[in-house]
């Protein structure tokens, strides 16, 4: 068990539900600070994909197995935070230890690939499981 993280491309959200197959862009294993960054983004966006009857303001909602769509602006911000070492320190029982330096080149390569997909008119998503 542990933190598994995925970035993938699809024509629309939850593509697998209509029989389409999303295409994987990147995979990370136990990159907790990236998980923390994505969770902050997801919360800023209002926790999309979560039932409206949950209280998202008091952190009752868990960021696990929930997809978040990444935009051009999100990728720009992520790139800046990676380059300046600003991914938030994040911990969790299944998350492992900080791995920012180990994943730095992979993270920047992911951003490059994700931008190319957005340019082609596709949508980029992040999801995780722990």
N, C-alpha and C. Protein backbone atom coordinates (compact mmCIF):
# COMPACT_ATOMS: atom_id res chain seq x y z
N UNK A 1 0.84 -1.18 0.00
CA UNK A 1 0.00 0.00 0.00
C UNK A 1 0.88 1.24 0.00
N UNK A 2 0.32 2.31 -0.42
CA UNK A 2 1.04 3.56 -0.45
C UNK A 2 0.36 4.54 -1.37
N UNK A 3 0.95 5.68 -1.49
CA UNK A 3 0.42 6.75 -2.32
C UNK A 3 0.81 6.52 -3.78
N UNK A 4 -0.19 6.30 -4.63
CA UNK A 4 0.00 6.19 -6.07
C UNK A 4 -0.70 7.38 -6.71
N UNK A 5 0.00 8.05 -7.63
CA UNK A 5 -0.51 9.28 -8.23
C UNK A 5 -0.42 9.18 -9.75
N UNK A 6 -1.45 9.68 -10.40
CA UNK A 6 -1.56 9.55 -11.85
C UNK A 6 -1.95 10.87 -12.48
N UNK A 7 -1.40 11.13 -13.64
CA UNK A 7 -1.87 12.22 -14.50
C UNK A 7 -2.26 11.57 -15.81
N UNK A 8 -3.39 11.96 -16.34
CA UNK A 8 -3.85 11.36 -17.57
C UNK A 8 -4.60 12.37 -18.42
N UNK A 9 -4.81 11.98 -19.67
CA UNK A 9 -5.45 12.82 -20.67
C UNK A 9 -6.75 12.16 -21.10
N UNK A 10 -7.77 12.96 -21.26
CA UNK A 10 -9.05 12.47 -21.77
C UNK A 10 -9.76 13.61 -22.48
N UNK A 11 -10.73 13.26 -23.27
CA UNK A 11 -11.51 14.29 -23.96
C UNK A 11 -12.47 14.97 -22.99
N UNK A 12 -12.84 14.27 -21.91
CA UNK A 12 -13.74 14.86 -20.92
C UNK A 12 -13.52 14.20 -19.56
N UNK A 13 -14.07 14.82 -18.53
CA UNK A 13 -13.93 14.29 -17.18
C UNK A 13 -14.59 12.92 -17.08
N UNK A 14 -14.04 12.08 -16.22
CA UNK A 14 -14.58 10.75 -15.94
C UNK A 14 -14.83 9.97 -17.23
N UNK A 15 -13.89 10.04 -18.15
CA UNK A 15 -14.04 9.42 -19.47
C UNK A 15 -14.31 7.92 -19.37
N UNK A 16 -13.72 7.24 -18.40
CA UNK A 16 -13.90 5.80 -18.30
C UNK A 16 -15.34 5.41 -18.05
N UNK A 17 -16.17 6.34 -17.57
CA UNK A 17 -17.57 6.01 -17.30
C UNK A 17 -18.40 5.89 -18.57
N UNK A 18 -17.95 6.47 -19.68
CA UNK A 18 -18.69 6.33 -20.93
C UNK A 18 -18.00 5.36 -21.89
N UNK A 19 -17.06 4.59 -21.38
CA UNK A 19 -16.39 3.60 -22.19
C UNK A 19 -15.09 4.08 -22.81
N UNK A 20 -14.80 5.37 -22.74
CA UNK A 20 -13.54 5.88 -23.27
C UNK A 20 -12.40 5.50 -22.33
N UNK A 21 -11.22 5.46 -22.87
CA UNK A 21 -10.07 5.11 -22.06
C UNK A 21 -9.14 6.30 -21.96
N UNK A 22 -8.95 6.84 -20.75
CA UNK A 22 -7.97 7.92 -20.60
C UNK A 22 -6.56 7.38 -20.87
N UNK A 23 -5.69 8.24 -21.30
CA UNK A 23 -4.29 7.86 -21.58
C UNK A 23 -3.40 8.44 -20.50
N UNK A 24 -2.58 7.58 -19.89
CA UNK A 24 -1.70 8.03 -18.81
C UNK A 24 -0.58 8.92 -19.34
N UNK A 25 -0.36 10.02 -18.63
CA UNK A 25 0.74 10.93 -18.94
C UNK A 25 1.92 10.71 -18.01
N UNK A 26 1.62 10.57 -16.72
CA UNK A 26 2.69 10.42 -15.73
C UNK A 26 2.18 9.60 -14.55
N UNK A 27 3.13 9.00 -13.86
CA UNK A 27 2.82 8.22 -12.67
C UNK A 27 3.89 8.53 -11.63
N UNK A 28 3.45 8.74 -10.40
CA UNK A 28 4.36 8.97 -9.29
C UNK A 28 4.03 7.98 -8.20
N UNK A 29 5.02 7.57 -7.46
CA UNK A 29 4.82 6.70 -6.30
C UNK A 29 5.41 7.42 -5.09
N UNK A 30 4.53 7.76 -4.16
CA UNK A 30 4.93 8.41 -2.90
C UNK A 30 5.67 9.73 -3.12
N UNK A 31 4.97 10.66 -3.72
CA UNK A 31 5.46 12.04 -3.92
C UNK A 31 4.51 12.94 -3.10
N UNK A 32 4.68 12.93 -1.76
CA UNK A 32 3.69 13.56 -0.89
C UNK A 32 3.50 15.05 -1.11
N UNK A 33 4.56 15.78 -1.41
CA UNK A 33 4.39 17.23 -1.54
C UNK A 33 3.62 17.59 -2.80
N UNK A 34 3.75 16.80 -3.86
CA UNK A 34 2.92 17.00 -5.04
C UNK A 34 1.46 16.71 -4.69
N UNK A 35 1.24 15.68 -3.90
CA UNK A 35 -0.12 15.35 -3.45
C UNK A 35 -0.72 16.52 -2.67
N UNK A 36 0.07 17.11 -1.78
CA UNK A 36 -0.40 18.26 -1.01
C UNK A 36 -0.72 19.44 -1.91
N UNK A 37 0.11 19.68 -2.92
CA UNK A 37 -0.13 20.78 -3.85
C UNK A 37 -1.43 20.55 -4.61
N UNK A 38 -1.62 19.32 -5.09
CA UNK A 38 -2.84 19.00 -5.84
C UNK A 38 -4.08 19.08 -4.94
N UNK A 39 -3.95 18.67 -3.70
CA UNK A 39 -5.09 18.77 -2.80
C UNK A 39 -5.46 20.23 -2.56
N UNK A 40 -4.47 21.10 -2.37
CA UNK A 40 -4.77 22.52 -2.20
C UNK A 40 -5.49 23.07 -3.42
N UNK A 41 -5.02 22.71 -4.61
CA UNK A 41 -5.66 23.15 -5.84
C UNK A 41 -7.11 22.66 -5.91
N UNK A 42 -7.31 21.41 -5.61
CA UNK A 42 -8.65 20.79 -5.62
C UNK A 42 -9.58 21.52 -4.66
N UNK A 43 -9.09 21.84 -3.47
CA UNK A 43 -9.92 22.57 -2.50
C UNK A 43 -10.22 23.98 -2.99
N UNK A 44 -9.23 24.63 -3.60
CA UNK A 44 -9.45 25.97 -4.17
C UNK A 44 -10.54 25.94 -5.23
N UNK A 45 -10.63 24.85 -5.96
CA UNK A 45 -11.63 24.71 -7.01
C UNK A 45 -12.98 24.26 -6.48
N UNK A 46 -13.10 24.12 -5.17
CA UNK A 46 -14.38 23.75 -4.57
C UNK A 46 -14.63 22.26 -4.46
N UNK A 47 -13.56 21.47 -4.47
CA UNK A 47 -13.64 20.02 -4.32
C UNK A 47 -14.55 19.38 -5.38
N UNK A 48 -14.27 19.62 -6.67
CA UNK A 48 -15.11 19.01 -7.70
C UNK A 48 -15.10 17.49 -7.60
N UNK A 49 -16.24 16.90 -7.92
CA UNK A 49 -16.36 15.44 -7.88
C UNK A 49 -16.84 14.91 -6.54
N UNK A 50 -17.12 15.82 -5.60
CA UNK A 50 -17.57 15.41 -4.27
C UNK A 50 -19.00 15.86 -4.08
N UNK A 51 -19.78 15.06 -3.42
CA UNK A 51 -21.19 15.36 -3.18
C UNK A 51 -21.36 16.73 -2.53
N UNK A 52 -22.34 17.47 -2.99
CA UNK A 52 -22.59 18.82 -2.47
C UNK A 52 -23.07 18.83 -1.02
N UNK A 53 -23.48 17.68 -0.49
CA UNK A 53 -23.99 17.68 0.88
C UNK A 53 -22.90 17.53 1.93
N UNK A 54 -21.65 17.47 1.52
CA UNK A 54 -20.55 17.39 2.46
C UNK A 54 -20.01 18.78 2.77
N UNK A 55 -19.51 18.96 3.96
CA UNK A 55 -18.96 20.25 4.38
C UNK A 55 -17.49 20.31 3.98
N UNK A 56 -17.20 20.91 2.83
CA UNK A 56 -15.82 20.95 2.35
C UNK A 56 -14.99 21.99 3.08
N UNK A 57 -15.63 22.92 3.76
CA UNK A 57 -14.88 23.98 4.43
C UNK A 57 -14.17 23.52 5.69
N UNK A 58 -14.65 22.47 6.33
CA UNK A 58 -13.97 22.03 7.55
C UNK A 58 -13.14 20.77 7.33
N UNK A 59 -12.75 20.54 6.07
CA UNK A 59 -11.85 19.45 5.70
C UNK A 59 -12.40 18.06 6.00
N UNK A 60 -13.74 17.91 5.98
CA UNK A 60 -14.33 16.58 6.15
C UNK A 60 -14.13 15.71 4.92
N UNK A 61 -13.79 16.32 3.81
CA UNK A 61 -13.66 15.61 2.54
C UNK A 61 -12.21 15.17 2.36
N UNK A 62 -12.01 13.92 2.01
CA UNK A 62 -10.67 13.36 1.81
C UNK A 62 -10.30 13.40 0.33
N UNK A 63 -9.13 13.86 0.05
CA UNK A 63 -8.62 13.91 -1.32
C UNK A 63 -7.95 12.57 -1.63
N UNK A 64 -8.77 11.61 -1.98
CA UNK A 64 -8.31 10.26 -2.28
C UNK A 64 -9.23 9.67 -3.34
N UNK A 65 -8.68 9.34 -4.49
CA UNK A 65 -9.50 8.76 -5.54
C UNK A 65 -10.42 9.77 -6.21
N UNK A 66 -10.06 11.05 -6.14
CA UNK A 66 -10.87 12.12 -6.73
C UNK A 66 -10.01 12.81 -7.78
N UNK A 67 -10.60 13.03 -8.96
CA UNK A 67 -9.81 13.67 -10.00
C UNK A 67 -9.95 15.18 -9.93
N UNK A 68 -8.87 15.84 -10.32
CA UNK A 68 -8.86 17.30 -10.43
C UNK A 68 -8.32 17.64 -11.82
N UNK A 69 -9.02 18.52 -12.51
CA UNK A 69 -8.59 18.92 -13.84
C UNK A 69 -7.55 20.03 -13.73
N UNK A 70 -6.53 19.93 -14.57
CA UNK A 70 -5.45 20.91 -14.58
C UNK A 70 -5.56 21.80 -15.81
N UNK A 71 -5.50 23.10 -15.59
CA UNK A 71 -5.58 24.08 -16.66
C UNK A 71 -4.18 24.62 -16.97
N UNK A 72 -4.10 25.47 -18.02
CA UNK A 72 -2.84 26.15 -18.33
C UNK A 72 -2.32 26.90 -17.11
N UNK A 73 -3.21 27.65 -16.46
CA UNK A 73 -2.80 28.45 -15.30
C UNK A 73 -2.31 27.55 -14.16
N UNK A 74 -2.98 26.43 -13.95
CA UNK A 74 -2.55 25.49 -12.90
C UNK A 74 -1.14 24.97 -13.19
N UNK A 75 -0.90 24.61 -14.44
CA UNK A 75 0.42 24.09 -14.82
C UNK A 75 1.50 25.16 -14.67
N UNK A 76 1.17 26.40 -15.02
CA UNK A 76 2.13 27.50 -14.84
C UNK A 76 2.49 27.66 -13.37
N UNK A 77 1.48 27.63 -12.53
CA UNK A 77 1.71 27.78 -11.08
C UNK A 77 2.49 26.60 -10.52
N UNK A 78 2.13 25.40 -10.96
CA UNK A 78 2.85 24.20 -10.50
C UNK A 78 4.32 24.27 -10.90
N UNK A 79 4.59 24.66 -12.14
CA UNK A 79 5.97 24.77 -12.60
C UNK A 79 6.75 25.75 -11.74
N UNK A 80 6.18 26.90 -11.49
CA UNK A 80 6.85 27.90 -10.65
C UNK A 80 7.12 27.36 -9.25
N UNK A 81 6.13 26.69 -8.67
CA UNK A 81 6.31 26.15 -7.32
C UNK A 81 7.35 25.05 -7.27
N UNK A 82 7.44 24.25 -8.31
CA UNK A 82 8.48 23.21 -8.37
C UNK A 82 9.85 23.85 -8.47
N UNK A 83 9.99 24.80 -9.38
CA UNK A 83 11.29 25.43 -9.61
C UNK A 83 11.78 26.23 -8.40
N UNK A 84 10.86 26.77 -7.62
CA UNK A 84 11.26 27.57 -6.45
C UNK A 84 11.18 26.78 -5.14
N UNK A 85 10.90 25.48 -5.24
CA UNK A 85 10.85 24.64 -4.04
C UNK A 85 9.68 24.96 -3.13
N UNK A 86 8.54 25.32 -3.72
CA UNK A 86 7.39 25.76 -2.93
C UNK A 86 6.27 24.73 -2.82
N UNK A 87 6.53 23.47 -3.16
CA UNK A 87 5.49 22.46 -2.93
C UNK A 87 5.31 22.34 -1.42
N UNK A 88 4.07 22.28 -0.94
CA UNK A 88 3.84 22.28 0.51
C UNK A 88 4.29 20.97 1.16
N UNK A 89 4.94 21.08 2.28
CA UNK A 89 5.33 19.89 3.04
C UNK A 89 4.06 19.13 3.41
N UNK A 90 3.99 17.88 3.00
CA UNK A 90 2.78 17.08 3.18
C UNK A 90 3.16 15.72 3.73
N UNK A 91 2.38 15.23 4.66
CA UNK A 91 2.64 13.91 5.21
C UNK A 91 1.33 13.14 5.34
N UNK A 92 1.46 11.86 5.40
CA UNK A 92 0.32 10.97 5.58
C UNK A 92 0.86 9.57 5.83
N UNK A 93 0.06 8.73 6.44
CA UNK A 93 0.51 7.40 6.83
C UNK A 93 1.07 6.61 5.66
N UNK A 94 0.45 6.71 4.48
CA UNK A 94 0.87 5.94 3.32
C UNK A 94 1.71 6.75 2.33
N UNK A 95 2.10 7.98 2.69
CA UNK A 95 2.67 8.90 1.72
C UNK A 95 4.18 8.78 1.53
N UNK A 96 4.91 8.26 2.46
CA UNK A 96 6.36 8.24 2.37
C UNK A 96 6.93 9.60 2.78
N UNK A 97 8.22 9.80 2.49
CA UNK A 97 8.88 11.05 2.86
C UNK A 97 9.00 11.96 1.65
N UNK A 98 9.34 13.21 1.89
CA UNK A 98 9.47 14.19 0.82
C UNK A 98 10.39 13.67 -0.27
N UNK A 99 9.95 13.83 -1.52
CA UNK A 99 10.72 13.31 -2.65
C UNK A 99 10.83 14.34 -3.76
N UNK A 100 10.74 15.62 -3.40
CA UNK A 100 10.72 16.69 -4.41
C UNK A 100 11.94 16.64 -5.33
N UNK A 101 13.13 16.53 -4.78
CA UNK A 101 14.34 16.54 -5.60
C UNK A 101 14.41 15.31 -6.50
N UNK A 102 13.97 14.18 -5.99
CA UNK A 102 13.98 12.94 -6.76
C UNK A 102 13.07 13.07 -7.99
N UNK A 103 11.92 13.70 -7.80
CA UNK A 103 10.92 13.80 -8.87
C UNK A 103 10.99 15.08 -9.69
N UNK A 104 11.86 15.99 -9.37
CA UNK A 104 11.88 17.31 -10.02
C UNK A 104 11.89 17.21 -11.55
N UNK A 105 12.78 16.44 -12.12
CA UNK A 105 12.85 16.32 -13.58
C UNK A 105 11.58 15.68 -14.14
N UNK A 106 11.06 14.67 -13.45
CA UNK A 106 9.81 14.02 -13.88
C UNK A 106 8.64 15.00 -13.83
N UNK A 107 8.60 15.80 -12.77
CA UNK A 107 7.51 16.78 -12.63
C UNK A 107 7.53 17.79 -13.78
N UNK A 108 8.71 18.28 -14.10
CA UNK A 108 8.82 19.26 -15.18
C UNK A 108 8.53 18.63 -16.54
N UNK A 109 8.90 17.38 -16.72
CA UNK A 109 8.57 16.67 -17.96
C UNK A 109 7.06 16.46 -18.07
N UNK A 110 6.42 16.14 -16.95
CA UNK A 110 4.97 16.01 -16.95
C UNK A 110 4.31 17.32 -17.39
N UNK A 111 4.77 18.43 -16.86
CA UNK A 111 4.19 19.74 -17.22
C UNK A 111 4.34 19.99 -18.71
N UNK A 112 5.49 19.67 -19.25
CA UNK A 112 5.73 19.84 -20.69
C UNK A 112 4.74 19.00 -21.50
N UNK A 113 4.58 17.73 -21.13
CA UNK A 113 3.65 16.85 -21.85
C UNK A 113 2.21 17.32 -21.68
N UNK A 114 1.85 17.75 -20.48
CA UNK A 114 0.48 18.20 -20.22
C UNK A 114 0.14 19.43 -21.05
N UNK A 115 1.07 20.35 -21.18
CA UNK A 115 0.84 21.54 -22.00
C UNK A 115 0.61 21.16 -23.46
N UNK A 116 1.35 20.19 -23.95
CA UNK A 116 1.18 19.74 -25.34
C UNK A 116 -0.22 19.16 -25.54
N UNK A 117 -0.71 18.43 -24.55
CA UNK A 117 -2.06 17.85 -24.64
C UNK A 117 -3.13 18.93 -24.61
N UNK A 118 -2.95 19.92 -23.74
CA UNK A 118 -3.91 21.02 -23.69
C UNK A 118 -3.91 21.77 -25.02
N UNK A 119 -2.74 21.95 -25.59
CA UNK A 119 -2.63 22.62 -26.88
C UNK A 119 -3.43 21.88 -27.95
N UNK A 120 -3.46 20.55 -27.85
CA UNK A 120 -4.19 19.73 -28.81
C UNK A 120 -5.69 19.68 -28.51
N UNK A 121 -6.12 20.38 -27.47
CA UNK A 121 -7.55 20.45 -27.16
C UNK A 121 -8.06 19.38 -26.22
N UNK A 122 -7.15 18.61 -25.63
CA UNK A 122 -7.56 17.58 -24.68
C UNK A 122 -7.54 18.13 -23.26
N UNK A 123 -8.02 17.35 -22.34
CA UNK A 123 -8.07 17.77 -20.94
C UNK A 123 -7.12 16.90 -20.12
N UNK A 124 -6.49 17.53 -19.13
CA UNK A 124 -5.49 16.85 -18.30
C UNK A 124 -6.04 16.76 -16.88
N UNK A 125 -5.89 15.57 -16.28
CA UNK A 125 -6.41 15.32 -14.94
C UNK A 125 -5.34 14.69 -14.05
N UNK A 126 -5.52 14.91 -12.75
CA UNK A 126 -4.67 14.28 -11.73
C UNK A 126 -5.59 13.49 -10.82
N UNK A 127 -5.13 12.33 -10.38
CA UNK A 127 -5.88 11.50 -9.46
C UNK A 127 -4.88 10.75 -8.60
N UNK A 128 -5.32 10.29 -7.47
CA UNK A 128 -4.41 9.55 -6.59
C UNK A 128 -5.20 8.52 -5.79
N UNK A 129 -4.45 7.60 -5.24
CA UNK A 129 -5.05 6.56 -4.40
C UNK A 129 -4.05 6.20 -3.31
N UNK A 130 -4.54 6.10 -2.08
CA UNK A 130 -3.68 5.66 -0.99
C UNK A 130 -4.46 4.83 -0.01
